[in-house]
Amino acid sequence: MPDIELSAGRIDYTDTGGPGETVVLVPGLAFDDSVWQAVVDDLRADFRVVVPVLPIGSHRRAMRPEADLSARGVADVLAEFMERLDLRDVTLVQNDAGTAQLLVGVRDARIGRLVLTSCEALENYPPGIQGRTLHAASRIPGGLFLLLQSFRVPFLVRMPSSLGGMAKRPIPYELVRRWYTPLLTDRAVRRDFAKFCGSRSTTRAACARSCAASSRRPAPTGPDPWSRHRAEAGHGPHTRPSPSSWKARSNSLNGRRRRHESRWRSRNGARWLRRPPGQADDHRSIRGRARRKRASSRCP
């Protein structure tokens, strides 16, 4: 695997080469390039695919002790990586960790398109129960080391509070061992990981500013390099929905939900119960009263 020297340290990356459009696939927290392997195999015939292993957990080479590895610092590492490889008009795709959005309006001259898939953003920092657990553990001396020991046990890895709650299908444990071996065996890698996890809650305002800047940028024009792949998948040309269409879709979904609830109530003989003014909206008590009311109405 090739590597490149940056100001924070040396990182590894995968580059398929080729004359096509450049796509940079960025792994998430504690994942390496293997998480994108199936996508790389599908795109390499038409695109130049580059996958950097950022210093956020699965990197094999520890960064310099003085390196800034906060969310903003890791975003700067990604921007420097694209500059050093002279990548232009990049389709930047990131999964899980949303550091790429911090480049919008700051160091986005080389980014032509930005794709965020299942990413943390805005007030979702740190994201979910997994992110909050990592953030809390990073602030306790030895907390991350103890938490990471759970990845030595396949049963604990499959739990909903761990990787099991982040994947649609079971993850092969061989991949888990590959991803977490650096964290379990290298103290310097854990130091880099703790820097990133401990700083994530401080990036909310920066992320909000970046998203606001992206909303003011004009939409890109020109041919769409992804049209063939969407056609093969059975999708039409991509169009960005307007706020009015989002509202229409929301109203449509709400209407279907109300019709479904109406049919359910007509079949089960249930009626809405109006709560007294000032009473809290306790759904369990409302459902309990509805069940008791239906049961009493069936008694002779």
C-alpha atoms as a PDB file:
ATOM      1  CA  MET A   1       0.000   0.000   0.000  1.00  0.00           C
ATOM      2  CA  PRO A   2       1.481   3.404  -0.936  1.00  0.00           C
ATOM      3  CA  ASP A   3       1.927   6.113   1.688  1.00  0.00           C
ATOM      4  CA  ILE A   4       2.513   9.843   1.758  1.00  0.00           C
ATOM      5  CA  GLU A   5       4.170  12.181   4.252  1.00  0.00           C
ATOM      6  CA  LEU A   6       1.947  14.988   5.560  1.00  0.00           C
ATOM      7  CA  SER A   7       2.467  17.637   8.205  1.00  0.00           C
ATOM      8  CA  ALA A   8       0.695  15.485  10.829  1.00  0.00           C
ATOM      9  CA  GLY A   9       2.545  12.295   9.876  1.00  0.00           C
ATOM     10  CA  ARG A  10       2.657   9.542   7.279  1.00  0.00           C
ATOM     11  CA  ILE A  11      -0.639   7.987   6.149  1.00  0.00           C
ATOM     12  CA  ASP A  12      -1.430   5.034   3.884  1.00  0.00           C
ATOM     13  CA  TYR A  13      -3.831   5.162   0.975  1.00  0.00           C
ATOM     14  CA  THR A  14      -5.174   3.149  -1.962  1.00  0.00           C
ATOM     15  CA  ASP A  15      -5.149   4.548  -5.505  1.00  0.00           C
ATOM     16  CA  THR A  16      -6.586   2.637  -8.455  1.00  0.00           C
ATOM     17  CA  GLY A  17      -5.191   5.154 -10.971  1.00  0.00           C
ATOM     18  CA  GLY A  18      -6.746   5.703 -14.376  1.00  0.00           C
ATOM     19  CA  PRO A  19      -7.843   8.724 -16.411  1.00  0.00           C
ATOM     20  CA  GLY A  20     -11.459   8.877 -15.185  1.00  0.00           C
ATOM     21  CA  GLU A  21     -13.114  11.249 -12.738  1.00  0.00           C
ATOM     22  CA  THR A  22     -11.500  11.174  -9.293  1.00  0.00           C
ATOM     23  CA  VAL A  23     -13.498   9.752  -6.400  1.00  0.00           C
ATOM     24  CA  VAL A  24     -12.083   9.956  -2.870  1.00  0.00           C
ATOM     25  CA  LEU A  25     -13.714   7.506  -0.464  1.00  0.00           C
ATOM     26  CA  VAL A  26     -13.059   8.344   3.191  1.00  0.00           C
ATOM     27  CA  PRO A  27     -13.567   5.609   5.820  1.00  0.00           C
ATOM     28  CA  GLY A  28     -15.246   6.326   9.121  1.00  0.00           C
ATOM     29  CA  LEU A  29     -14.110   6.160  12.717  1.00  0.00           C
ATOM     30  CA  ALA A  30     -11.853   3.147  13.359  1.00  0.00           C
ATOM     31  CA  PHE A  31     -12.288   1.776   9.803  1.00  0.00           C
ATOM     32  CA  ASP A  32      -9.621   1.399   7.137  1.00  0.00           C
ATOM     33  CA  ASP A  33      -9.784   1.172   3.339  1.00  0.00           C
ATOM     34  CA  SER A  34     -11.270  -2.352   3.414  1.00  0.00           C
ATOM     35  CA  VAL A  35     -14.684  -0.953   4.393  1.00  0.00           C
ATOM     36  CA  TRP A  36     -14.933   0.538   0.856  1.00  0.00           C
ATOM     37  CA  GLN A  37     -13.538  -2.480  -1.018  1.00  0.00           C
ATOM     38  CA  ALA A  38     -16.802  -3.528  -2.687  1.00  0.00           C
ATOM     39  CA  VAL A  39     -17.429   0.042  -3.868  1.00  0.00           C
ATOM     40  CA  VAL A  40     -13.864   0.355  -5.176  1.00  0.00           C
ATOM     41  CA  ASP A  41     -14.264  -2.852  -7.193  1.00  0.00           C
ATOM     42  CA  ASP A  42     -17.466  -1.510  -8.749  1.00  0.00           C
ATOM     43  CA  LEU A  43     -16.092   1.944  -9.653  1.00  0.00           C
ATOM     44  CA  ARG A  44     -12.508   1.275 -10.699  1.00  0.00           C
ATOM     45  CA  ALA A  45     -13.427   0.544 -14.319  1.00  0.00           C
ATOM     46  CA  ASP A  46     -14.752   4.103 -14.872  1.00  0.00           C
ATOM     47  CA  PHE A  47     -13.198   6.225 -12.120  1.00  0.00           C
ATOM     48  CA  ARG A  48      -9.929   6.857 -10.389  1.00  0.00           C
ATOM     49  CA  VAL A  49     -10.692   5.810  -6.809  1.00  0.00           C
ATOM     50  CA  VAL A  50      -8.519   7.007  -3.920  1.00  0.00           C
ATOM     51  CA  VAL A  51      -9.057   5.777  -0.340  1.00  0.00           C
ATOM     52  CA  PRO A  52      -6.939   7.445   2.383  1.00  0.00           C
ATOM     53  CA  VAL A  53      -6.632   5.850   5.838  1.00  0.00           C
ATOM     54  CA  LEU A  54      -7.100   8.869   8.077  1.00  0.00           C
ATOM     55  CA  PRO A  55      -5.621   8.879  11.611  1.00  0.00           C
ATOM     56  CA  ILE A  56      -8.905   8.126  13.405  1.00  0.00           C
ATOM     57  CA  GLY A  57      -8.349   4.608  14.726  1.00  0.00           C
ATOM     58  CA  SER A  58      -7.421   2.078  12.036  1.00  0.00           C
ATOM     59  CA  HIS A  59      -4.182   3.742  10.903  1.00  0.00           C
ATOM     60  CA  ARG A  60      -1.065   1.585  11.261  1.00  0.00           C
ATOM     61  CA  ARG A  61       1.310   4.548  11.647  1.00  0.00           C
ATOM     62  CA  ALA A  62       0.947   6.833  14.644  1.00  0.00           C
ATOM     63  CA  MET A  63       0.981  10.556  13.964  1.00  0.00           C
ATOM     64  CA  ARG A  64       3.405  13.017  15.504  1.00  0.00           C
ATOM     65  CA  PRO A  65       2.659  13.745  19.188  1.00  0.00           C
ATOM     66  CA  GLU A  66       2.048  17.449  18.509  1.00  0.00           C
ATOM     67  CA  ALA A  67      -0.327  16.829  15.565  1.00  0.00           C
ATOM     68  CA  ASP A  68      -3.799  18.404  15.746  1.00  0.00           C
ATOM     69  CA  LEU A  69      -6.202  15.459  15.458  1.00  0.00           C
ATOM     70  CA  SER A  70      -9.404  17.173  16.433  1.00  0.00           C
ATOM     71  CA  ALA A  71     -12.267  16.961  13.938  1.00  0.00           C
ATOM     72  CA  ARG A  72     -11.060  20.187  12.340  1.00  0.00           C
ATOM     73  CA  GLY A  73      -7.451  18.918  12.341  1.00  0.00           C
ATOM     74  CA  VAL A  74      -8.408  15.657  10.630  1.00  0.00           C
ATOM     75  CA  ALA A  75     -10.342  17.663   8.021  1.00  0.00           C
ATOM     76  CA  ASP A  76      -7.147  19.635   7.382  1.00  0.00           C
ATOM     77  CA  VAL A  77      -5.232  16.344   6.990  1.00  0.00           C
ATOM     78  CA  LEU A  78      -7.748  15.288   4.330  1.00  0.00           C
ATOM     79  CA  ALA A  79      -7.421  18.622   2.514  1.00  0.00           C
ATOM     80  CA  GLU A  80      -3.617  18.417   2.604  1.00  0.00           C
ATOM     81  CA  PHE A  81      -3.776  14.853   1.279  1.00  0.00           C
ATOM     82  CA  MET A  82      -5.765  15.970  -1.770  1.00  0.00           C
ATOM     83  CA  GLU A  83      -3.376  18.890  -2.335  1.00  0.00           C
ATOM     84  CA  ARG A  84      -0.265  16.725  -2.139  1.00  0.00           C
ATOM     85  CA  LEU A  85      -1.698  14.260  -4.690  1.00  0.00           C
ATOM     86  CA  ASP A  86      -2.920  17.210  -6.813  1.00  0.00           C
ATOM     87  CA  LEU A  87      -6.474  15.857  -6.969  1.00  0.00           C
ATOM     88  CA  ARG A  88      -8.913  18.223  -8.681  1.00  0.00           C
ATOM     89  CA  ASP A  89     -12.704  18.341  -9.111  1.00  0.00           C
ATOM     90  CA  VAL A  90     -12.978  15.498  -6.616  1.00  0.00           C
ATOM     91  CA  THR A  91     -16.138  13.625  -5.730  1.00  0.00           C
ATOM     92  CA  LEU A  92     -15.540  13.362  -1.986  1.00  0.00           C
ATOM     93  CA  VAL A  93     -17.507  10.620  -0.239  1.00  0.00           C
ATOM     94  CA  GLN A  94     -17.369  10.068   3.510  1.00  0.00           C
ATOM     95  CA  ASN A  95     -19.103   7.539   5.706  1.00  0.00           C
ATOM     96  CA  ASP A  96     -19.685   7.635   9.461  1.00  0.00           C
ATOM     97  CA  ALA A  97     -17.318  10.410  10.637  1.00  0.00           C
ATOM     98  CA  GLY A  98     -18.431  13.712   9.102  1.00  0.00           C
ATOM     99  CA  THR A  99     -15.118  15.587   9.078  1.00  0.00           C
ATOM    100  CA  ALA A 100     -15.312  16.229   5.317  1.00  0.00           C
ATOM    101  CA  GLN A 101     -18.160  18.726   5.769  1.00  0.00           C
ATOM    102  CA  LEU A 102     -15.816  20.941   7.810  1.00  0.00           C
ATOM    103  CA  LEU A 103     -13.944  21.717   4.582  1.00  0.00           C
ATOM    104  CA  VAL A 104     -16.971  23.398   2.984  1.00  0.00           C
ATOM    105  CA  GLY A 105     -16.353  27.107   2.625  1.00  0.00           C
ATOM    106  CA  VAL A 106     -12.851  26.757   4.110  1.00  0.00           C
ATOM    107  CA  ARG A 107     -10.624  24.483   1.984  1.00  0.00           C
ATOM    108  CA  ASP A 108     -12.997  23.170  -0.675  1.00  0.00           C
ATOM    109  CA  ALA A 109     -11.275  24.404  -3.855  1.00  0.00           C
ATOM    110  CA  ARG A 110     -10.520  20.830  -4.951  1.00  0.00           C
ATOM    111  CA  ILE A 111     -13.964  19.418  -4.114  1.00  0.00           C
ATOM    112  CA  GLY A 112     -16.433  19.255  -6.994  1.00  0.00           C
ATOM    113  CA  ARG A 113     -19.078  17.145  -5.239  1.00  0.00           C
ATOM    114  CA  LEU A 114     -19.565  16.127  -1.609  1.00  0.00           C
ATOM    115  CA  VAL A 115     -21.438  12.970  -0.571  1.00  0.00           C
ATOM    116  CA  LEU A 116     -22.118  12.277   3.119  1.00  0.00           C
ATOM    117  CA  THR A 117     -23.497   8.806   3.888  1.00  0.00           C
ATOM    118  CA  SER A 118     -24.817   8.095   7.400  1.00  0.00           C
ATOM    119  CA  CYS A 119     -22.687  10.900   8.788  1.00  0.00           C
ATOM    120  CA  GLU A 120     -22.747  12.887  11.991  1.00  0.00           C
ATOM    121  CA  ALA A 121     -23.661  16.538  11.513  1.00  0.00           C
ATOM    122  CA  LEU A 122     -24.844  19.672  13.292  1.00  0.00           C
ATOM    123  CA  GLU A 123     -26.147  18.767  16.774  1.00  0.00           C
ATOM    124  CA  ASN A 124     -25.514  15.044  16.191  1.00  0.00           C
ATOM    125  CA  TYR A 125     -22.014  15.363  17.689  1.00  0.00           C
ATOM    126  CA  PRO A 126     -21.061  12.863  19.050  1.00  0.00           C
ATOM    127  CA  PRO A 127     -23.533  10.622  17.217  1.00  0.00           C
ATOM    128  CA  GLY A 128     -25.719   7.980  18.815  1.00  0.00           C
ATOM    129  CA  ILE A 129     -25.010   5.820  21.819  1.00  0.00           C
ATOM    130  CA  GLN A 130     -21.737   4.600  20.308  1.00  0.00           C
ATOM    131  CA  GLY A 131     -20.412   8.120  19.772  1.00  0.00           C
ATOM    132  CA  ARG A 132     -21.461   9.337  23.207  1.00  0.00           C
ATOM    133  CA  THR A 133     -19.827   6.302  24.834  1.00  0.00           C
ATOM    134  CA  LEU A 134     -16.543   6.900  23.005  1.00  0.00           C
ATOM    135  CA  HIS A 135     -16.629  10.605  23.851  1.00  0.00           C
ATOM    136  CA  ALA A 136     -17.160   9.874  27.553  1.00  0.00           C
ATOM    137  CA  ALA A 137     -14.506   7.141  27.636  1.00  0.00           C
ATOM    138  CA  SER A 138     -11.919   9.398  25.989  1.00  0.00           C
ATOM    139  CA  ARG A 139     -12.205  11.836  28.902  1.00  0.00           C
ATOM    140  CA  ILE A 140     -11.447   9.191  31.547  1.00  0.00           C
ATOM    141  CA  PRO A 141      -7.829   8.023  31.981  1.00  0.00           C
ATOM    142  CA  GLY A 142      -7.683   4.459  30.683  1.00  0.00           C
ATOM    143  CA  GLY A 143     -11.342   4.565  29.654  1.00  0.00           C
ATOM    144  CA  LEU A 144     -10.754   3.983  25.954  1.00  0.00           C
ATOM    145  CA  PHE A 145      -8.369   1.097  26.634  1.00  0.00           C
ATOM    146  CA  LEU A 146     -10.978  -0.695  28.759  1.00  0.00           C
ATOM    147  CA  LEU A 147     -13.786   0.010  26.296  1.00  0.00           C
ATOM    148  CA  LEU A 148     -11.772  -1.286  23.332  1.00  0.00           C
ATOM    149  CA  GLN A 149     -11.223  -4.644  25.047  1.00  0.00           C
ATOM    150  CA  SER A 150     -14.821  -5.518  24.142  1.00  0.00           C
ATOM    151  CA  PHE A 151     -13.720  -5.837  20.498  1.00  0.00           C
ATOM    152  CA  ARG A 152     -11.726  -8.924  21.444  1.00  0.00           C
ATOM    153  CA  VAL A 153     -15.011 -10.812  22.023  1.00  0.00           C
ATOM    154  CA  PRO A 154     -17.166 -11.523  18.914  1.00  0.00           C
ATOM    155  CA  PHE A 155     -20.371 -11.707  20.974  1.00  0.00           C
ATOM    156  CA  LEU A 156     -19.845  -8.193  22.364  1.00  0.00           C
ATOM    157  CA  VAL A 157     -19.041  -6.835  18.888  1.00  0.00           C
ATOM    158  CA  ARG A 158     -22.435  -8.009  17.599  1.00  0.00           C
ATOM    159  CA  MET A 159     -24.403  -6.220  20.346  1.00  0.00           C
ATOM    160  CA  PRO A 160     -26.661  -3.293  19.315  1.00  0.00           C
ATOM    161  CA  SER A 161     -24.619  -0.907  21.459  1.00  0.00           C
ATOM    162  CA  SER A 162     -21.497  -1.819  19.457  1.00  0.00           C
ATOM    163  CA  LEU A 163     -20.949  -2.545  15.740  1.00  0.00           C
ATOM    164  CA  GLY A 164     -24.058  -4.720  15.653  1.00  0.00           C
ATOM    165  CA  GLY A 165     -26.220  -1.623  15.859  1.00  0.00           C
ATOM    166  CA  MET A 166     -24.417   0.059  12.960  1.00  0.00           C
ATOM    167  CA  ALA A 167     -24.682  -2.620  10.258  1.00  0.00           C
ATOM    168  CA  LYS A 168     -27.583  -4.157   8.354  1.00  0.00           C
ATOM    169  CA  ARG A 169     -25.804  -7.515   8.042  1.00  0.00           C
ATOM    170  CA  PRO A 170     -23.400  -9.301  10.422  1.00  0.00           C
ATOM    171  CA  ILE A 171     -19.818  -8.068  10.058  1.00  0.00           C
ATOM    172  CA  PRO A 172     -17.185 -10.812   9.652  1.00  0.00           C
ATOM    173  CA  TYR A 173     -15.026 -10.869  12.750  1.00  0.00           C
ATOM    174  CA  GLU A 174     -11.897 -11.049  10.573  1.00  0.00           C
ATOM    175  CA  LEU A 175     -12.644  -7.508   9.408  1.00  0.00           C
ATOM    176  CA  VAL A 176     -13.244  -6.340  12.977  1.00  0.00           C
ATOM    177  CA  ARG A 177      -9.861  -7.718  14.021  1.00  0.00           C
ATOM    178  CA  ARG A 178      -8.206  -5.954  11.105  1.00  0.00           C
ATOM    179  CA  TRP A 179      -9.843  -2.630  11.960  1.00  0.00           C
ATOM    180  CA  TYR A 180      -9.181  -2.684  15.712  1.00  0.00           C
ATOM    181  CA  THR A 181      -5.798  -4.395  15.964  1.00  0.00           C
ATOM    182  CA  PRO A 182      -3.894  -1.053  15.799  1.00  0.00           C
ATOM    183  CA  LEU A 183      -6.011   0.348  18.635  1.00  0.00           C
ATOM    184  CA  LEU A 184      -5.593  -2.766  20.753  1.00  0.00           C
ATOM    185  CA  THR A 185      -1.845  -3.128  20.267  1.00  0.00           C
ATOM    186  CA  ASP A 186      -0.379   0.367  19.763  1.00  0.00           C
ATOM    187  CA  ARG A 187      -0.543   2.939  22.550  1.00  0.00           C
ATOM    188  CA  ALA A 188       0.391   5.800  20.200  1.00  0.00           C
ATOM    189  CA  VAL A 189      -2.554   4.947  17.901  1.00  0.00           C
ATOM    190  CA  ARG A 190      -4.867   5.022  20.921  1.00  0.00           C
ATOM    191  CA  ARG A 191      -3.454   8.454  21.762  1.00  0.00           C
ATOM    192  CA  ASP A 192      -4.395   9.690  18.270  1.00  0.00           C
ATOM    193  CA  PHE A 193      -7.829   8.113  18.585  1.00  0.00           C
ATOM    194  CA  ALA A 194      -8.436   9.761  21.959  1.00  0.00           C
ATOM    195  CA  LYS A 195      -7.553  13.184  20.527  1.00  0.00           C
ATOM    196  CA  PHE A 196     -10.260  12.857  17.900  1.00  0.00           C
ATOM    197  CA  CYS A 197     -12.944  11.350  20.174  1.00  0.00           C
ATOM    198  CA  GLY A 198     -12.367  13.901  22.924  1.00  0.00           C
ATOM    199  CA  SER A 199     -12.727  16.893  20.618  1.00  0.00           C
ATOM    200  CA  ARG A 200     -15.832  15.973  18.662  1.00  0.00           C
ATOM    201  CA  SER A 201     -18.369  17.895  20.746  1.00  0.00           C
ATOM    202  CA  THR A 202     -16.435  21.126  20.183  1.00  0.00           C
ATOM    203  CA  THR A 203     -17.069  21.083  16.430  1.00  0.00           C
ATOM    204  CA  ARG A 204     -20.832  21.692  16.419  1.00  0.00           C
ATOM    205  CA  ALA A 205     -20.576  25.403  15.711  1.00  0.00           C
ATOM    206  CA  ALA A 206     -17.909  24.853  13.036  1.00  0.00           C
ATOM    207  CA  CYS A 207     -20.049  22.181  11.378  1.00  0.00           C
ATOM    208  CA  ALA A 208     -23.082  24.464  11.419  1.00  0.00           C
ATOM    209  CA  ARG A 209     -21.062  27.267   9.817  1.00  0.00           C
ATOM    210  CA  SER A 210     -19.806  24.917   7.112  1.00  0.00           C
ATOM    211  CA  CYS A 211     -23.317  23.677   6.325  1.00  0.00           C
ATOM    212  CA  ALA A 212     -24.569  27.267   6.159  1.00  0.00           C
ATOM    213  CA  ALA A 213     -21.759  28.144   3.756  1.00  0.00           C
ATOM    214  CA  SER A 214     -22.606  25.165   1.545  1.00  0.00           C
ATOM    215  CA  SER A 215     -26.227  26.312   1.254  1.00  0.00           C
ATOM    216  CA  ARG A 216     -25.054  29.623  -0.226  1.00  0.00           C
ATOM    217  CA  ARG A 217     -22.929  28.028  -2.958  1.00  0.00           C
ATOM    218  CA  PRO A 218     -24.399  27.706  -6.483  1.00  0.00           C
ATOM    219  CA  ALA A 219     -25.245  24.223  -7.681  1.00  0.00           C
ATOM    220  CA  PRO A 220     -22.591  22.624  -9.940  1.00  0.00           C
ATOM    221  CA  THR A 221     -23.252  22.466 -13.661  1.00  0.00           C
ATOM    222  CA  GLY A 222     -21.920  20.234 -16.426  1.00  0.00           C
ATOM    223  CA  PRO A 223     -22.198  16.538 -17.305  1.00  0.00           C
ATOM    224  CA  ASP A 224     -22.959  14.117 -14.513  1.00  0.00           C
ATOM    225  CA  PRO A 225     -20.286  11.355 -14.334  1.00  0.00           C
ATOM    226  CA  TRP A 226     -22.603   9.128 -12.266  1.00  0.00           C
ATOM    227  CA  SER A 227     -25.446   8.932 -14.801  1.00  0.00           C
ATOM    228  CA  ARG A 228     -24.442   5.502 -16.155  1.00  0.00           C
ATOM    229  CA  HIS A 229     -24.281   3.939 -12.688  1.00  0.00           C
ATOM    230  CA  ARG A 230     -27.701   5.331 -11.785  1.00  0.00           C
ATOM    231  CA  ALA A 231     -29.130   4.019 -15.042  1.00  0.00           C
ATOM    232  CA  GLU A 232     -27.711   0.537 -14.330  1.00  0.00           C
ATOM    233  CA  ALA A 233     -29.285   0.651 -10.861  1.00  0.00           C
ATOM    234  CA  GLY A 234     -32.653   1.573 -12.398  1.00  0.00           C
ATOM    235  CA  HIS A 235     -32.685   5.172 -11.162  1.00  0.00           C
ATOM    236  CA  GLY A 236     -33.438   8.256 -13.221  1.00  0.00           C
ATOM    237  CA  PRO A 237     -31.301  11.390 -13.479  1.00  0.00           C
ATOM    238  CA  HIS A 238     -30.439  13.025 -10.176  1.00  0.00           C
ATOM    239  CA  THR A 239     -32.349  16.175  -9.290  1.00  0.00           C
ATOM    240  CA  ARG A 240     -32.056  18.022  -6.018  1.00  0.00           C
ATOM    241  CA  PRO A 241     -35.519  18.362  -4.447  1.00  0.00           C
ATOM    242  CA  SER A 242     -36.708  21.849  -3.631  1.00  0.00           C
ATOM    243  CA  PRO A 243     -38.051  22.753  -0.181  1.00  0.00           C
ATOM    244  CA  SER A 244     -41.577  22.813  -1.619  1.00  0.00           C
ATOM    245  CA  SER A 245     -41.228  19.218  -2.805  1.00  0.00           C
ATOM    246  CA  TRP A 246     -39.915  18.189   0.638  1.00  0.00           C
ATOM    247  CA  LYS A 247     -43.008  19.763   2.202  1.00  0.00           C
ATOM    248  CA  ALA A 248     -45.301  18.044  -0.306  1.00  0.00           C
ATOM    249  CA  ARG A 249     -43.650  14.686   0.418  1.00  0.00           C
ATOM    250  CA  SER A 250     -43.965  15.280   4.163  1.00  0.00           C
ATOM    251  CA  ASN A 251     -47.668  16.123   3.803  1.00  0.00           C
ATOM    252  CA  SER A 252     -48.155  13.003   1.674  1.00  0.00           C
ATOM    253  CA  LEU A 253     -46.495  10.800   4.277  1.00  0.00           C
ATOM    254  CA  ASN A 254     -48.528  12.369   7.081  1.00  0.00           C
ATOM    255  CA  GLY A 255     -51.718  11.792   5.108  1.00  0.00           C
ATOM    256  CA  ARG A 256     -50.896   8.131   4.592  1.00  0.00           C
ATOM    257  CA  ARG A 257     -50.092   7.756   8.273  1.00  0.00           C
ATOM    258  CA  ARG A 258     -53.428   9.289   9.278  1.00  0.00           C
ATOM    259  CA  ARG A 259     -55.333   7.019   6.863  1.00  0.00           C
ATOM    260  CA  HIS A 260     -53.511   3.974   8.237  1.00  0.00           C
ATOM    261  CA  GLU A 261     -54.353   4.968  11.813  1.00  0.00           C
ATOM    262  CA  SER A 262     -57.992   5.529  10.836  1.00  0.00           C
ATOM    263  CA  ARG A 263     -58.261   2.044   9.282  1.00  0.00           C
ATOM    264  CA  TRP A 264     -56.575   0.509  12.333  1.00  0.00           C
ATOM    265  CA  ARG A 265     -59.004   2.256  14.702  1.00  0.00           C
ATOM    266  CA  SER A 266     -62.012   1.165  12.641  1.00  0.00           C
ATOM    267  CA  ARG A 267     -60.873  -2.478  12.674  1.00  0.00           C
ATOM    268  CA  ASN A 268     -60.021  -2.590  16.381  1.00  0.00           C
ATOM    269  CA  GLY A 269     -62.825  -0.398  17.687  1.00  0.00           C
ATOM    270  CA  ALA A 270     -60.354   2.054  19.225  1.00  0.00           C
ATOM    271  CA  ARG A 271     -61.090   5.718  19.758  1.00  0.00           C
ATOM    272  CA  TRP A 272     -58.814   8.637  20.525  1.00  0.00           C
ATOM    273  CA  LEU A 273     -58.958   9.761  24.149  1.00  0.00           C
ATOM    274  CA  ARG A 274     -58.602  13.490  24.778  1.00  0.00           C
ATOM    275  CA  ARG A 275     -56.240  14.167  27.681  1.00  0.00           C
ATOM    276  CA  PRO A 276     -57.189  16.805  30.289  1.00  0.00           C
ATOM    277  CA  PRO A 277     -55.632  20.274  29.820  1.00  0.00           C
ATOM    278  CA  GLY A 278     -52.140  20.513  31.253  1.00  0.00           C
ATOM    279  CA  GLN A 279     -51.613  16.764  31.512  1.00  0.00           C
ATOM    280  CA  ALA A 280     -48.381  15.403  30.053  1.00  0.00           C
ATOM    281  CA  ASP A 281     -48.613  13.395  26.846  1.00  0.00           C
ATOM    282  CA  ASP A 282     -47.922   9.935  28.298  1.00  0.00           C
ATOM    283  CA  HIS A 283     -48.540   7.582  25.386  1.00  0.00           C
ATOM    284  CA  ARG A 284     -48.390   4.468  27.546  1.00  0.00           C
ATOM    285  CA  SER A 285     -51.167   5.694  29.853  1.00  0.00           C
ATOM    286  CA  ILE A 286     -53.294   6.750  26.847  1.00  0.00           C
ATOM    287  CA  ARG A 287     -52.915   3.321  25.250  1.00  0.00           C
ATOM    288  CA  GLY A 288     -53.649   1.653  28.597  1.00  0.00           C
ATOM    289  CA  ARG A 289     -56.882   3.598  29.019  1.00  0.00           C
ATOM    290  CA  ALA A 290     -57.879   2.747  25.442  1.00  0.00           C
ATOM    291  CA  ARG A 291     -57.348  -0.975  26.082  1.00  0.00           C
ATOM    292  CA  ARG A 292     -59.317  -0.849  29.315  1.00  0.00           C
ATOM    293  CA  LYS A 293     -62.140   1.046  27.603  1.00  0.00           C
ATOM    294  CA  ARG A 294     -62.368  -1.534  24.793  1.00  0.00           C
ATOM    295  CA  ALA A 295     -62.282  -4.405  27.284  1.00  0.00           C
ATOM    296  CA  SER A 296     -65.093  -2.893  29.358  1.00  0.00           C
ATOM    297  CA  SER A 297     -67.228  -2.294  26.254  1.00  0.00           C
ATOM    298  CA  ARG A 298     -67.061  -6.007  25.333  1.00  0.00           C
ATOM    299  CA  CYS A 299     -68.295  -7.172  28.733  1.00  0.00           C
ATOM    300  CA  PRO A 300     -72.012  -8.175  28.840  1.00  0.00           C
END
